[in-house]
Amino acid sequence: MLKDIETENDIYLWQTAFYKHLLNDPITSPKFSHLNLEEHMPKIVAFWSFVLLDKEGYKTNVFEKHIPLNLEKIHFEIWLNYFTATTNDMFSGPNASIALERVKLLASTFLHKLKGEYHGF
């Protein structure tokens, strides 16, 4: 049985695996290839630690960081597929379930704000 997402190290390993998928996908890699993942990963870990582990310290507006990427619906669909697959491959439990629900909400909200479209993922 898989364990739940319980520590910042779990989040680091999970998000590193997830971003590898995004960076190797021909559709999403152009949107994320500019990232210095080593520099960006602490911010990603801080965000998910705030969401899943109730850790303080994340103060950045996550939406604003995605505006310049010019993401389309297809990017969100691929992003969600990799996120879901990576999560399900690595973890099982309440925090993993919360992550899967929150990411759908994030994707729907981002798509609505960026493109004026609503898509209930």
PDB file of N, CA and C in Angstrom:
ATOM      1  N   MET A   1       0.836  -1.198   0.000  1.00  0.00           N
ATOM      2  CA  MET A   1       0.000   0.000   0.000  1.00  0.00           C
ATOM      3  C   MET A   1       0.873   1.251   0.000  1.00  0.00           C
ATOM      4  N   LEU A   2       0.466   2.211  -0.756  1.00  0.00           N
ATOM      5  CA  LEU A   2       1.201   3.470  -0.827  1.00  0.00           C
ATOM      6  C   LEU A   2       0.935   4.311   0.414  1.00  0.00           C
ATOM      7  N   LYS A   3       1.924   5.093   0.796  1.00  0.00           N
ATOM      8  CA  LYS A   3       1.757   5.996   1.936  1.00  0.00           C
ATOM      9  C   LYS A   3       1.156   7.321   1.470  1.00  0.00           C
ATOM     10  N   ASP A   4       0.724   8.114   2.404  1.00  0.00           N
ATOM     11  CA  ASP A   4       0.158   9.421   2.109  1.00  0.00           C
ATOM     12  C   ASP A   4       1.273  10.457   1.985  1.00  0.00           C
ATOM     13  N   ILE A   5       0.936  11.620   1.476  1.00  0.00           N
ATOM     14  CA  ILE A   5       1.852  12.755   1.424  1.00  0.00           C
ATOM     15  C   ILE A   5       1.911  13.321   2.841  1.00  0.00           C
ATOM     16  N   GLU A   6       3.083  13.203   3.491  1.00  0.00           N
ATOM     17  CA  GLU A   6       3.168  13.562   4.905  1.00  0.00           C
ATOM     18  C   GLU A   6       4.251  14.582   5.230  1.00  0.00           C
ATOM     19  N   THR A   7       5.243  14.724   4.364  1.00  0.00           N
ATOM     20  CA  THR A   7       6.378  15.596   4.681  1.00  0.00           C
ATOM     21  C   THR A   7       6.725  16.483   3.488  1.00  0.00           C
ATOM     22  N   GLU A   8       7.539  17.478   3.760  1.00  0.00           N
ATOM     23  CA  GLU A   8       8.024  18.325   2.675  1.00  0.00           C
ATOM     24  C   GLU A   8       8.898  17.525   1.712  1.00  0.00           C
ATOM     25  N   ASN A   9       9.616  16.533   2.215  1.00  0.00           N
ATOM     26  CA  ASN A   9      10.408  15.681   1.322  1.00  0.00           C
ATOM     27  C   ASN A   9       9.503  14.873   0.396  1.00  0.00           C
ATOM     28  N   ASP A  10       8.375  14.386   0.900  1.00  0.00           N
ATOM     29  CA  ASP A  10       7.399  13.711   0.035  1.00  0.00           C
ATOM     30  C   ASP A  10       6.957  14.649  -1.084  1.00  0.00           C
ATOM     31  N   ILE A  11       6.667  15.877  -0.722  1.00  0.00           N
ATOM     32  CA  ILE A  11       6.214  16.866  -1.711  1.00  0.00           C
ATOM     33  C   ILE A  11       7.316  17.138  -2.721  1.00  0.00           C
ATOM     34  N   TYR A  12       8.542  17.270  -2.254  1.00  0.00           N
ATOM     35  CA  TYR A  12       9.670  17.508  -3.158  1.00  0.00           C
ATOM     36  C   TYR A  12       9.802  16.369  -4.179  1.00  0.00           C
ATOM     37  N   LEU A  13       9.797  15.136  -3.715  1.00  0.00           N
ATOM     38  CA  LEU A  13       9.948  13.985  -4.612  1.00  0.00           C
ATOM     39  C   LEU A  13       8.779  13.892  -5.596  1.00  0.00           C
ATOM     40  N   TRP A  14       7.582  14.124  -5.097  1.00  0.00           N
ATOM     41  CA  TRP A  14       6.349  14.072  -5.894  1.00  0.00           C
ATOM     42  C   TRP A  14       6.355  15.145  -6.980  1.00  0.00           C
ATOM     43  N   GLN A  15       6.655  16.384  -6.601  1.00  0.00           N
ATOM     44  CA  GLN A  15       6.624  17.473  -7.570  1.00  0.00           C
ATOM     45  C   GLN A  15       7.790  17.401  -8.558  1.00  0.00           C
ATOM     46  N   THR A  16       8.922  16.898  -8.119  1.00  0.00           N
ATOM     47  CA  THR A  16      10.046  16.697  -9.038  1.00  0.00           C
ATOM     48  C   THR A  16       9.658  15.681 -10.107  1.00  0.00           C
ATOM     49  N   ALA A  17       9.026  14.594  -9.703  1.00  0.00           N
ATOM     50  CA  ALA A  17       8.574  13.580 -10.665  1.00  0.00           C
ATOM     51  C   ALA A  17       7.522  14.161 -11.608  1.00  0.00           C
ATOM     52  N   PHE A  18       6.602  14.925 -11.061  1.00  0.00           N
ATOM     53  CA  PHE A  18       5.548  15.543 -11.864  1.00  0.00           C
ATOM     54  C   PHE A  18       6.143  16.501 -12.907  1.00  0.00           C
ATOM     55  N   TYR A  19       7.040  17.374 -12.492  1.00  0.00           N
ATOM     56  CA  TYR A  19       7.621  18.334 -13.427  1.00  0.00           C
ATOM     57  C   TYR A  19       8.480  17.662 -14.495  1.00  0.00           C
ATOM     58  N   LYS A  20       9.057  16.518 -14.205  1.00  0.00           N
ATOM     59  CA  LYS A  20       9.794  15.777 -15.233  1.00  0.00           C
ATOM     60  C   LYS A  20       8.861  15.409 -16.383  1.00  0.00           C
ATOM     61  N   HIS A  21       7.644  15.007 -16.041  1.00  0.00           N
ATOM     62  CA  HIS A  21       6.653  14.700 -17.081  1.00  0.00           C
ATOM     63  C   HIS A  21       6.338  15.942 -17.918  1.00  0.00           C
ATOM     64  N   LEU A  22       6.078  17.056 -17.241  1.00  0.00           N
ATOM     65  CA  LEU A  22       5.747  18.293 -17.959  1.00  0.00           C
ATOM     66  C   LEU A  22       6.882  18.730 -18.877  1.00  0.00           C
ATOM     67  N   LEU A  23       8.102  18.594 -18.398  1.00  0.00           N
ATOM     68  CA  LEU A  23       9.260  19.041 -19.169  1.00  0.00           C
ATOM     69  C   LEU A  23       9.615  18.093 -20.306  1.00  0.00           C
ATOM     70  N   ASN A  24       9.090  16.881 -20.281  1.00  0.00           N
ATOM     71  CA  ASN A  24       9.350  15.929 -21.363  1.00  0.00           C
ATOM     72  C   ASN A  24       8.198  15.817 -22.349  1.00  0.00           C
ATOM     73  N   ASP A  25       7.100  16.476 -22.069  1.00  0.00           N
ATOM     74  CA  ASP A  25       5.943  16.425 -22.959  1.00  0.00           C
ATOM     75  C   ASP A  25       6.104  17.482 -24.059  1.00  0.00           C
ATOM     76  N   PRO A  26       5.886  17.117 -25.311  1.00  0.00           N
ATOM     77  CA  PRO A  26       6.093  18.080 -26.404  1.00  0.00           C
ATOM     78  C   PRO A  26       5.147  19.277 -26.376  1.00  0.00           C
ATOM     79  N   ILE A  27       3.993  19.138 -25.743  1.00  0.00           N
ATOM     80  CA  ILE A  27       3.043  20.252 -25.692  1.00  0.00           C
ATOM     81  C   ILE A  27       3.297  21.153 -24.494  1.00  0.00           C
ATOM     82  N   THR A  28       3.628  20.574 -23.350  1.00  0.00           N
ATOM     83  CA  THR A  28       3.815  21.397 -22.147  1.00  0.00           C
ATOM     84  C   THR A  28       5.247  21.874 -21.953  1.00  0.00           C
ATOM     85  N   SER A  29       6.213  21.161 -22.500  1.00  0.00           N
ATOM     86  CA  SER A  29       7.610  21.555 -22.243  1.00  0.00           C
ATOM     87  C   SER A  29       7.928  22.981 -22.684  1.00  0.00           C
ATOM     88  N   PRO A  30       7.395  23.463 -23.830  1.00  0.00           N
ATOM     89  CA  PRO A  30       7.715  24.856 -24.178  1.00  0.00           C
ATOM     90  C   PRO A  30       7.209  25.877 -23.149  1.00  0.00           C
ATOM     91  N   LYS A  31       6.172  25.533 -22.417  1.00  0.00           N
ATOM     92  CA  LYS A  31       5.616  26.453 -21.420  1.00  0.00           C
ATOM     93  C   LYS A  31       6.412  26.461 -20.123  1.00  0.00           C
ATOM     94  N   PHE A  32       7.123  25.363 -19.852  1.00  0.00           N
ATOM     95  CA  PHE A  32       7.809  25.229 -18.571  1.00  0.00           C
ATOM     96  C   PHE A  32       9.326  25.101 -18.689  1.00  0.00           C
ATOM     97  N   SER A  33       9.845  25.004 -19.900  1.00  0.00           N
ATOM     98  CA  SER A  33      11.281  24.761 -20.080  1.00  0.00           C
ATOM     99  C   SER A  33      12.153  25.923 -19.610  1.00  0.00           C
ATOM    100  N   HIS A  34      11.588  27.115 -19.514  1.00  0.00           N
ATOM    101  CA  HIS A  34      12.343  28.279 -19.047  1.00  0.00           C
ATOM    102  C   HIS A  34      12.621  28.225 -17.540  1.00  0.00           C
ATOM    103  N   LEU A  35      11.885  27.359 -16.833  1.00  0.00           N
ATOM    104  CA  LEU A  35      12.037  27.296 -15.381  1.00  0.00           C
ATOM    105  C   LEU A  35      13.391  26.733 -14.981  1.00  0.00           C
ATOM    106  N   ASN A  36      13.988  27.390 -14.033  1.00  0.00           N
ATOM    107  CA  ASN A  36      15.132  26.802 -13.349  1.00  0.00           C
ATOM    108  C   ASN A  36      14.505  26.000 -12.214  1.00  0.00           C
ATOM    109  N   LEU A  37      14.325  24.705 -12.465  1.00  0.00           N
ATOM    110  CA  LEU A  37      13.576  23.870 -11.526  1.00  0.00           C
ATOM    111  C   LEU A  37      14.223  23.807 -10.150  1.00  0.00           C
ATOM    112  N   GLU A  38      15.543  23.826 -10.112  1.00  0.00           N
ATOM    113  CA  GLU A  38      16.243  23.807  -8.820  1.00  0.00           C
ATOM    114  C   GLU A  38      15.888  25.044  -8.002  1.00  0.00           C
ATOM    115  N   GLU A  39      15.770  26.175  -8.672  1.00  0.00           N
ATOM    116  CA  GLU A  39      15.420  27.429  -8.003  1.00  0.00           C
ATOM    117  C   GLU A  39      13.926  27.502  -7.684  1.00  0.00           C
ATOM    118  N   HIS A  40      13.107  26.960  -8.577  1.00  0.00           N
ATOM    119  CA  HIS A  40      11.653  27.062  -8.442  1.00  0.00           C
ATOM    120  C   HIS A  40      11.053  26.025  -7.478  1.00  0.00           C
ATOM    121  N   MET A  41      11.688  24.877  -7.348  1.00  0.00           N
ATOM    122  CA  MET A  41      11.122  23.788  -6.550  1.00  0.00           C
ATOM    123  C   MET A  41      10.838  24.178  -5.092  1.00  0.00           C
ATOM    124  N   PRO A  42      11.679  24.946  -4.419  1.00  0.00           N
ATOM    125  CA  PRO A  42      11.322  25.337  -3.042  1.00  0.00           C
ATOM    126  C   PRO A  42       9.992  26.096  -2.963  1.00  0.00           C
ATOM    127  N   LYS A  43       9.674  26.874  -4.000  1.00  0.00           N
ATOM    128  CA  LYS A  43       8.396  27.598  -4.025  1.00  0.00           C
ATOM    129  C   LYS A  43       7.233  26.628  -4.208  1.00  0.00           C
ATOM    130  N   ILE A  44       7.423  25.640  -5.068  1.00  0.00           N
ATOM    131  CA  ILE A  44       6.394  24.626  -5.293  1.00  0.00           C
ATOM    132  C   ILE A  44       6.176  23.822  -4.013  1.00  0.00           C
ATOM    133  N   VAL A  45       7.261  23.436  -3.382  1.00  0.00           N
ATOM    134  CA  VAL A  45       7.169  22.683  -2.123  1.00  0.00           C
ATOM    135  C   VAL A  45       6.471  23.528  -1.056  1.00  0.00           C
ATOM    136  N   ALA A  46       6.802  24.799  -0.988  1.00  0.00           N
ATOM    137  CA  ALA A  46       6.162  25.685  -0.006  1.00  0.00           C
ATOM    138  C   ALA A  46       4.661  25.790  -0.265  1.00  0.00           C
ATOM    139  N   PHE A  47       4.265  25.892  -1.539  1.00  0.00           N
ATOM    140  CA  PHE A  47       2.846  25.984  -1.870  1.00  0.00           C
ATOM    141  C   PHE A  47       2.099  24.731  -1.410  1.00  0.00           C
ATOM    142  N   TRP A  48       2.585  23.561  -1.815  1.00  0.00           N
ATOM    143  CA  TRP A  48       1.886  22.325  -1.464  1.00  0.00           C
ATOM    144  C   TRP A  48       2.007  22.006   0.026  1.00  0.00           C
ATOM    145  N   SER A  49       3.060  22.451   0.682  1.00  0.00           N
ATOM    146  CA  SER A  49       3.172  22.288   2.132  1.00  0.00           C
ATOM    147  C   SER A  49       2.118  23.136   2.840  1.00  0.00           C
ATOM    148  N   PHE A  50       1.867  24.314   2.308  1.00  0.00           N
ATOM    149  CA  PHE A  50       0.810  25.186   2.833  1.00  0.00           C
ATOM    150  C   PHE A  50      -0.556  24.527   2.639  1.00  0.00           C
ATOM    151  N   VAL A  51      -0.807  24.006   1.437  1.00  0.00           N
ATOM    152  CA  VAL A  51      -2.105  23.415   1.114  1.00  0.00           C
ATOM    153  C   VAL A  51      -2.343  22.113   1.876  1.00  0.00           C
ATOM    154  N   LEU A  52      -1.343  21.246   1.915  1.00  0.00           N
ATOM    155  CA  LEU A  52      -1.551  19.889   2.439  1.00  0.00           C
ATOM    156  C   LEU A  52      -1.103  19.681   3.885  1.00  0.00           C
ATOM    157  N   LEU A  53      -0.091  20.424   4.305  1.00  0.00           N
ATOM    158  CA  LEU A  53       0.490  20.187   5.626  1.00  0.00           C
ATOM    159  C   LEU A  53       0.251  21.337   6.602  1.00  0.00           C
ATOM    160  N   ASP A  54      -0.498  22.357   6.151  1.00  0.00           N
ATOM    161  CA  ASP A  54      -0.785  23.545   6.966  1.00  0.00           C
ATOM    162  C   ASP A  54       0.470  24.265   7.435  1.00  0.00           C
ATOM    163  N   LYS A  55       1.514  24.238   6.599  1.00  0.00           N
ATOM    164  CA  LYS A  55       2.754  24.943   6.940  1.00  0.00           C
ATOM    165  C   LYS A  55       2.632  26.396   6.508  1.00  0.00           C
ATOM    166  N   GLU A  56       3.047  27.273   7.373  1.00  0.00           N
ATOM    167  CA  GLU A  56       3.041  28.700   7.055  1.00  0.00           C
ATOM    168  C   GLU A  56       4.215  29.040   6.157  1.00  0.00           C
ATOM    169  N   GLY A  57       4.126  30.184   5.517  1.00  0.00           N
ATOM    170  CA  GLY A  57       5.270  30.681   4.783  1.00  0.00           C
ATOM    171  C   GLY A  57       5.021  30.951   3.319  1.00  0.00           C
ATOM    172  N   TYR A  58       3.977  30.383   2.730  1.00  0.00           N
ATOM    173  CA  TYR A  58       3.722  30.641   1.312  1.00  0.00           C
ATOM    174  C   TYR A  58       2.876  31.890   1.189  1.00  0.00           C
ATOM    175  N   LYS A  59       3.436  32.925   0.574  1.00  0.00           N
ATOM    176  CA  LYS A  59       2.749  34.211   0.475  1.00  0.00           C
ATOM    177  C   LYS A  59       2.559  34.680  -0.969  1.00  0.00           C
ATOM    178  N   THR A  60       3.075  33.929  -1.925  1.00  0.00           N
ATOM    179  CA  THR A  60       3.041  34.334  -3.325  1.00  0.00           C
ATOM    180  C   THR A  60       1.664  34.083  -3.923  1.00  0.00           C
ATOM    181  N   ASN A  61       1.263  34.924  -4.867  1.00  0.00           N
ATOM    182  CA  ASN A  61       0.029  34.717  -5.603  1.00  0.00           C
ATOM    183  C   ASN A  61       0.315  33.713  -6.715  1.00  0.00           C
ATOM    184  N   VAL A  62      -0.130  32.487  -6.524  1.00  0.00           N
ATOM    185  CA  VAL A  62       0.185  31.406  -7.462  1.00  0.00           C
ATOM    186  C   VAL A  62      -0.410  31.684  -8.844  1.00  0.00           C
ATOM    187  N   PHE A  63      -1.557  32.313  -8.906  1.00  0.00           N
ATOM    188  CA  PHE A  63      -2.170  32.612 -10.202  1.00  0.00           C
ATOM    189  C   PHE A  63      -1.321  33.586 -11.016  1.00  0.00           C
ATOM    190  N   GLU A  64      -0.884  34.663 -10.387  1.00  0.00           N
ATOM    191  CA  GLU A  64      -0.103  35.686 -11.105  1.00  0.00           C
ATOM    192  C   GLU A  64       1.149  35.107 -11.752  1.00  0.00           C
ATOM    193  N   LYS A  65       1.742  34.121 -11.126  1.00  0.00           N
ATOM    194  CA  LYS A  65       2.958  33.499 -11.673  1.00  0.00           C
ATOM    195  C   LYS A  65       2.679  32.750 -12.972  1.00  0.00           C
ATOM    196  N   HIS A  66       1.434  32.369 -13.211  1.00  0.00           N
ATOM    197  CA  HIS A  66       1.089  31.592 -14.395  1.00  0.00           C
ATOM    198  C   HIS A  66       0.558  32.446 -15.549  1.00  0.00           C
ATOM    199  N   ILE A  67       0.247  33.700 -15.294  1.00  0.00           N
ATOM    200  CA  ILE A  67      -0.301  34.563 -16.346  1.00  0.00           C
ATOM    201  C   ILE A  67       0.621  34.653 -17.568  1.00  0.00           C
ATOM    202  N   PRO A  68       1.921  34.883 -17.404  1.00  0.00           N
ATOM    203  CA  PRO A  68       2.785  35.043 -18.584  1.00  0.00           C
ATOM    204  C   PRO A  68       2.969  33.769 -19.418  1.00  0.00           C
ATOM    205  N   LEU A  69       2.542  32.625 -18.915  1.00  0.00           N
ATOM    206  CA  LEU A  69       2.763  31.368 -19.631  1.00  0.00           C
ATOM    207  C   LEU A  69       1.815  31.178 -20.817  1.00  0.00           C
ATOM    208  N   ASN A  70       0.762  31.991 -20.891  1.00  0.00           N
ATOM    209  CA  ASN A  70      -0.212  31.896 -21.981  1.00  0.00           C
ATOM    210  C   ASN A  70      -0.717  30.456 -22.146  1.00  0.00           C
ATOM    211  N   LEU A  71      -1.212  29.901 -21.072  1.00  0.00           N
ATOM    212  CA  LEU A  71      -1.688  28.522 -21.068  1.00  0.00           C
ATOM    213  C   LEU A  71      -3.067  28.415 -21.708  1.00  0.00           C
ATOM    214  N   GLU A  72      -3.278  27.332 -22.425  1.00  0.00           N
ATOM    215  CA  GLU A  72      -4.548  27.021 -23.070  1.00  0.00           C
ATOM    216  C   GLU A  72      -5.170  25.812 -22.378  1.00  0.00           C
ATOM    217  N   LYS A  73      -6.398  25.503 -22.736  1.00  0.00           N
ATOM    218  CA  LYS A  73      -7.106  24.373 -22.139  1.00  0.00           C
ATOM    219  C   LYS A  73      -6.301  23.082 -22.256  1.00  0.00           C
ATOM    220  N   ILE A  74      -5.680  22.834 -23.398  1.00  0.00           N
ATOM    221  CA  ILE A  74      -4.910  21.602 -23.605  1.00  0.00           C
ATOM    222  C   ILE A  74      -3.775  21.471 -22.587  1.00  0.00           C
ATOM    223  N   HIS A  75      -3.146  22.599 -22.233  1.00  0.00           N
ATOM    224  CA  HIS A  75      -2.059  22.559 -21.247  1.00  0.00           C
ATOM    225  C   HIS A  75      -2.584  22.131 -19.880  1.00  0.00           C
ATOM    226  N   PHE A  76      -3.757  22.640 -19.526  1.00  0.00           N
ATOM    227  CA  PHE A  76      -4.353  22.260 -18.250  1.00  0.00           C
ATOM    228  C   PHE A  76      -4.748  20.787 -18.249  1.00  0.00           C
ATOM    229  N   GLU A  77      -5.277  20.309 -19.354  1.00  0.00           N
ATOM    230  CA  GLU A  77      -5.665  18.896 -19.437  1.00  0.00           C
ATOM    231  C   GLU A  77      -4.451  17.981 -19.278  1.00  0.00           C
ATOM    232  N   ILE A  78      -3.374  18.301 -19.955  1.00  0.00           N
ATOM    233  CA  ILE A  78      -2.146  17.505 -19.847  1.00  0.00           C
ATOM    234  C   ILE A  78      -1.574  17.621 -18.441  1.00  0.00           C
ATOM    235  N   TRP A  79      -1.537  18.835 -17.927  1.00  0.00           N
ATOM    236  CA  TRP A  79      -1.047  19.105 -16.579  1.00  0.00           C
ATOM    237  C   TRP A  79      -1.805  18.252 -15.561  1.00  0.00           C
ATOM    238  N   LEU A  80      -3.137  18.234 -15.674  1.00  0.00           N
ATOM    239  CA  LEU A  80      -3.952  17.447 -14.752  1.00  0.00           C
ATOM    240  C   LEU A  80      -3.710  15.948 -14.911  1.00  0.00           C
ATOM    241  N   ASN A  81      -3.561  15.489 -16.137  1.00  0.00           N
ATOM    242  CA  ASN A  81      -3.309  14.056 -16.352  1.00  0.00           C
ATOM    243  C   ASN A  81      -2.004  13.624 -15.696  1.00  0.00           C
ATOM    244  N   TYR A  82      -0.943  14.395 -15.903  1.00  0.00           N
ATOM    245  CA  TYR A  82       0.339  14.050 -15.283  1.00  0.00           C
ATOM    246  C   TYR A  82       0.283  14.179 -13.760  1.00  0.00           C
ATOM    247  N   PHE A  83      -0.374  15.228 -13.290  1.00  0.00           N
ATOM    248  CA  PHE A  83      -0.481  15.437 -11.848  1.00  0.00           C
ATOM    249  C   PHE A  83      -1.206  14.258 -11.203  1.00  0.00           C
ATOM    250  N   THR A  84      -2.327  13.875 -11.795  1.00  0.00           N
ATOM    251  CA  THR A  84      -3.113  12.763 -11.260  1.00  0.00           C
ATOM    252  C   THR A  84      -2.332  11.459 -11.308  1.00  0.00           C
ATOM    253  N   ALA A  85      -1.714  11.169 -12.440  1.00  0.00           N
ATOM    254  CA  ALA A  85      -0.958   9.921 -12.586  1.00  0.00           C
ATOM    255  C   ALA A  85       0.217   9.872 -11.609  1.00  0.00           C
ATOM    256  N   THR A  86       0.950  10.974 -11.500  1.00  0.00           N
ATOM    257  CA  THR A  86       2.101  11.017 -10.593  1.00  0.00           C
ATOM    258  C   THR A  86       1.647  10.830  -9.153  1.00  0.00           C
ATOM    259  N   THR A  87       0.588  11.509  -8.773  1.00  0.00           N
ATOM    260  CA  THR A  87       0.070  11.390  -7.409  1.00  0.00           C
ATOM    261  C   THR A  87      -0.366   9.956  -7.130  1.00  0.00           C
ATOM    262  N   ASN A  88      -1.150   9.386  -8.029  1.00  0.00           N
ATOM    263  CA  ASN A  88      -1.656   8.030  -7.814  1.00  0.00           C
ATOM    264  C   ASN A  88      -0.557   6.973  -7.844  1.00  0.00           C
ATOM    265  N   ASP A  89       0.508   7.230  -8.594  1.00  0.00           N
ATOM    266  CA  ASP A  89       1.638   6.291  -8.632  1.00  0.00           C
ATOM    267  C   ASP A  89       2.449   6.308  -7.345  1.00  0.00           C
ATOM    268  N   MET A  90       2.450   7.449  -6.666  1.00  0.00           N
ATOM    269  CA  MET A  90       3.339   7.614  -5.522  1.00  0.00           C
ATOM    270  C   MET A  90       2.651   7.583  -4.161  1.00  0.00           C
ATOM    271  N   PHE A  91       1.386   7.987  -4.095  1.00  0.00           N
ATOM    272  CA  PHE A  91       0.742   8.192  -2.797  1.00  0.00           C
ATOM    273  C   PHE A  91      -0.711   7.743  -2.790  1.00  0.00           C
ATOM    274  N   SER A  92      -1.187   7.489  -1.584  1.00  0.00           N
ATOM    275  CA  SER A  92      -2.591   7.187  -1.353  1.00  0.00           C
ATOM    276  C   SER A  92      -2.932   7.620   0.063  1.00  0.00           C
ATOM    277  N   GLY A  93      -4.038   8.311   0.216  1.00  0.00           N
ATOM    278  CA  GLY A  93      -4.451   8.752   1.540  1.00  0.00           C
ATOM    279  C   GLY A  93      -5.164  10.083   1.478  1.00  0.00           C
ATOM    280  N   PRO A  94      -5.526  10.611   2.634  1.00  0.00           N
ATOM    281  CA  PRO A  94      -6.286  11.866   2.677  1.00  0.00           C
ATOM    282  C   PRO A  94      -5.584  13.041   2.004  1.00  0.00           C
ATOM    283  N   ASN A  95      -4.289  13.232   2.247  1.00  0.00           N
ATOM    284  CA  ASN A  95      -3.593  14.368   1.636  1.00  0.00           C
ATOM    285  C   ASN A  95      -3.466  14.200   0.127  1.00  0.00           C
ATOM    286  N   ALA A  96      -3.246  12.984  -0.333  1.00  0.00           N
ATOM    287  CA  ALA A  96      -3.187  12.736  -1.780  1.00  0.00           C
ATOM    288  C   ALA A  96      -4.543  13.056  -2.409  1.00  0.00           C
ATOM    289  N   SER A  97      -5.617  12.669  -1.748  1.00  0.00           N
ATOM    290  CA  SER A  97      -6.966  12.970  -2.253  1.00  0.00           C
ATOM    291  C   SER A  97      -7.232  14.471  -2.269  1.00  0.00           C
ATOM    292  N   ILE A  98      -6.806  15.159  -1.212  1.00  0.00           N
ATOM    293  CA  ILE A  98      -6.970  16.619  -1.170  1.00  0.00           C
ATOM    294  C   ILE A  98      -6.188  17.263  -2.309  1.00  0.00           C
ATOM    295  N   ALA A  99      -4.973  16.806  -2.545  1.00  0.00           N
ATOM    296  CA  ALA A  99      -4.157  17.366  -3.629  1.00  0.00           C
ATOM    297  C   ALA A  99      -4.869  17.210  -4.969  1.00  0.00           C
ATOM    298  N   LEU A 100      -5.461  16.046  -5.210  1.00  0.00           N
ATOM    299  CA  LEU A 100      -6.155  15.806  -6.478  1.00  0.00           C
ATOM    300  C   LEU A 100      -7.387  16.688  -6.636  1.00  0.00           C
ATOM    301  N   GLU A 101      -8.080  16.936  -5.550  1.00  0.00           N
ATOM    302  CA  GLU A 101      -9.238  17.835  -5.613  1.00  0.00           C
ATOM    303  C   GLU A 101      -8.808  19.287  -5.793  1.00  0.00           C
ATOM    304  N   ARG A 102      -7.779  19.699  -5.055  1.00  0.00           N
ATOM    305  CA  ARG A 102      -7.321  21.087  -5.133  1.00  0.00           C
ATOM    306  C   ARG A 102      -6.762  21.423  -6.511  1.00  0.00           C
ATOM    307  N   VAL A 103      -6.054  20.474  -7.122  1.00  0.00           N
ATOM    308  CA  VAL A 103      -5.467  20.764  -8.423  1.00  0.00           C
ATOM    309  C   VAL A 103      -6.558  20.933  -9.488  1.00  0.00           C
ATOM    310  N   LYS A 104      -7.648  20.200  -9.358  1.00  0.00           N
ATOM    311  CA  LYS A 104      -8.771  20.388 -10.295  1.00  0.00           C
ATOM    312  C   LYS A 104      -9.379  21.774 -10.122  1.00  0.00           C
ATOM    313  N   LEU A 105      -9.521  22.180  -8.884  1.00  0.00           N
ATOM    314  CA  LEU A 105     -10.052  23.517  -8.606  1.00  0.00           C
ATOM    315  C   LEU A 105      -9.108  24.591  -9.138  1.00  0.00           C
ATOM    316  N   LEU A 106      -7.812  24.409  -8.913  1.00  0.00           N
ATOM    317  CA  LEU A 106      -6.826  25.370  -9.438  1.00  0.00           C
ATOM    318  C   LEU A 106      -6.907  25.464 -10.959  1.00  0.00           C
ATOM    319  N   ALA A 107      -6.942  24.327 -11.622  1.00  0.00           N
ATOM    320  CA  ALA A 107      -6.988  24.325 -13.085  1.00  0.00           C
ATOM    321  C   ALA A 107      -8.249  25.010 -13.592  1.00  0.00           C
ATOM    322  N   SER A 108      -9.389  24.707 -12.988  1.00  0.00           N
ATOM    323  CA  SER A 108     -10.651  25.336 -13.403  1.00  0.00           C
ATOM    324  C   SER A 108     -10.620  26.842 -13.180  1.00  0.00           C
ATOM    325  N   THR A 109     -10.108  27.249 -12.030  1.00  0.00           N
ATOM    326  CA  THR A 109     -10.027  28.674 -11.699  1.00  0.00           C
ATOM    327  C   THR A 109      -9.068  29.402 -12.634  1.00  0.00           C
ATOM    328  N   PHE A 110      -7.894  28.827 -12.852  1.00  0.00           N
ATOM    329  CA  PHE A 110      -6.909  29.446 -13.736  1.00  0.00           C
ATOM    330  C   PHE A 110      -7.456  29.595 -15.147  1.00  0.00           C
ATOM    331  N   LEU A 111      -8.064  28.541 -15.672  1.00  0.00           N
ATOM    332  CA  LEU A 111      -8.594  28.585 -17.031  1.00  0.00           C
ATOM    333  C   LEU A 111      -9.680  29.646 -17.143  1.00  0.00           C
ATOM    334  N   HIS A 112     -10.522  29.730 -16.136  1.00  0.00           N
ATOM    335  CA  HIS A 112     -11.571  30.747 -16.146  1.00  0.00           C
ATOM    336  C   HIS A 112     -10.982  32.160 -16.112  1.00  0.00           C
ATOM    337  N   LYS A 113     -10.013  32.377 -15.245  1.00  0.00           N
ATOM    338  CA  LYS A 113      -9.404  33.706 -15.132  1.00  0.00           C
ATOM    339  C   LYS A 113      -8.583  34.072 -16.368  1.00  0.00           C
ATOM    340  N   LEU A 114      -7.895  33.103 -16.939  1.00  0.00           N
ATOM    341  CA  LEU A 114      -7.023  33.382 -18.091  1.00  0.00           C
ATOM    342  C   LEU A 114      -7.782  33.508 -19.402  1.00  0.00           C
ATOM    343  N   LYS A 115      -8.797  32.670 -19.594  1.00  0.00           N
ATOM    344  CA  LYS A 115      -9.456  32.574 -20.891  1.00  0.00           C
ATOM    345  C   LYS A 115     -10.945  32.874 -20.845  1.00  0.00           C
ATOM    346  N   GLY A 116     -11.484  33.114 -19.660  1.00  0.00           N
ATOM    347  CA  GLY A 116     -12.914  33.371 -19.536  1.00  0.00           C
ATOM    348  C   GLY A 116     -13.755  32.124 -19.758  1.00  0.00           C
ATOM    349  N   GLU A 117     -13.108  30.975 -19.725  1.00  0.00           N
ATOM    350  CA  GLU A 117     -13.800  29.707 -19.927  1.00  0.00           C
ATOM    351  C   GLU A 117     -13.971  29.024 -18.582  1.00  0.00           C
ATOM    352  N   TYR A 118     -15.076  28.306 -18.453  1.00  0.00           N
ATOM    353  CA  TYR A 118     -15.225  27.476 -17.267  1.00  0.00           C
ATOM    354  C   TYR A 118     -15.215  26.034 -17.724  1.00  0.00           C
ATOM    355  N   HIS A 119     -14.377  25.268 -17.095  1.00  0.00           N
ATOM    356  CA  HIS A 119     -14.315  23.838 -17.386  1.00  0.00           C
ATOM    357  C   HIS A 119     -14.165  23.125 -16.063  1.00  0.00           C
ATOM    358  N   GLY A 120     -15.169  22.406 -15.670  1.00  0.00           N
ATOM    359  CA  GLY A 120     -15.104  21.655 -14.410  1.00  0.00           C
ATOM    360  C   GLY A 120     -14.311  20.374 -14.615  1.00  0.00           C
ATOM    361  N   PHE A 121     -13.055  20.410 -14.263  1.00  0.00           N
ATOM    362  CA  PHE A 121     -12.201  19.249 -14.451  1.00  0.00           C
ATOM    363  C   PHE A 121     -12.548  18.159 -13.462  1.00  0.00           C
TER     364      PHE A 121
END
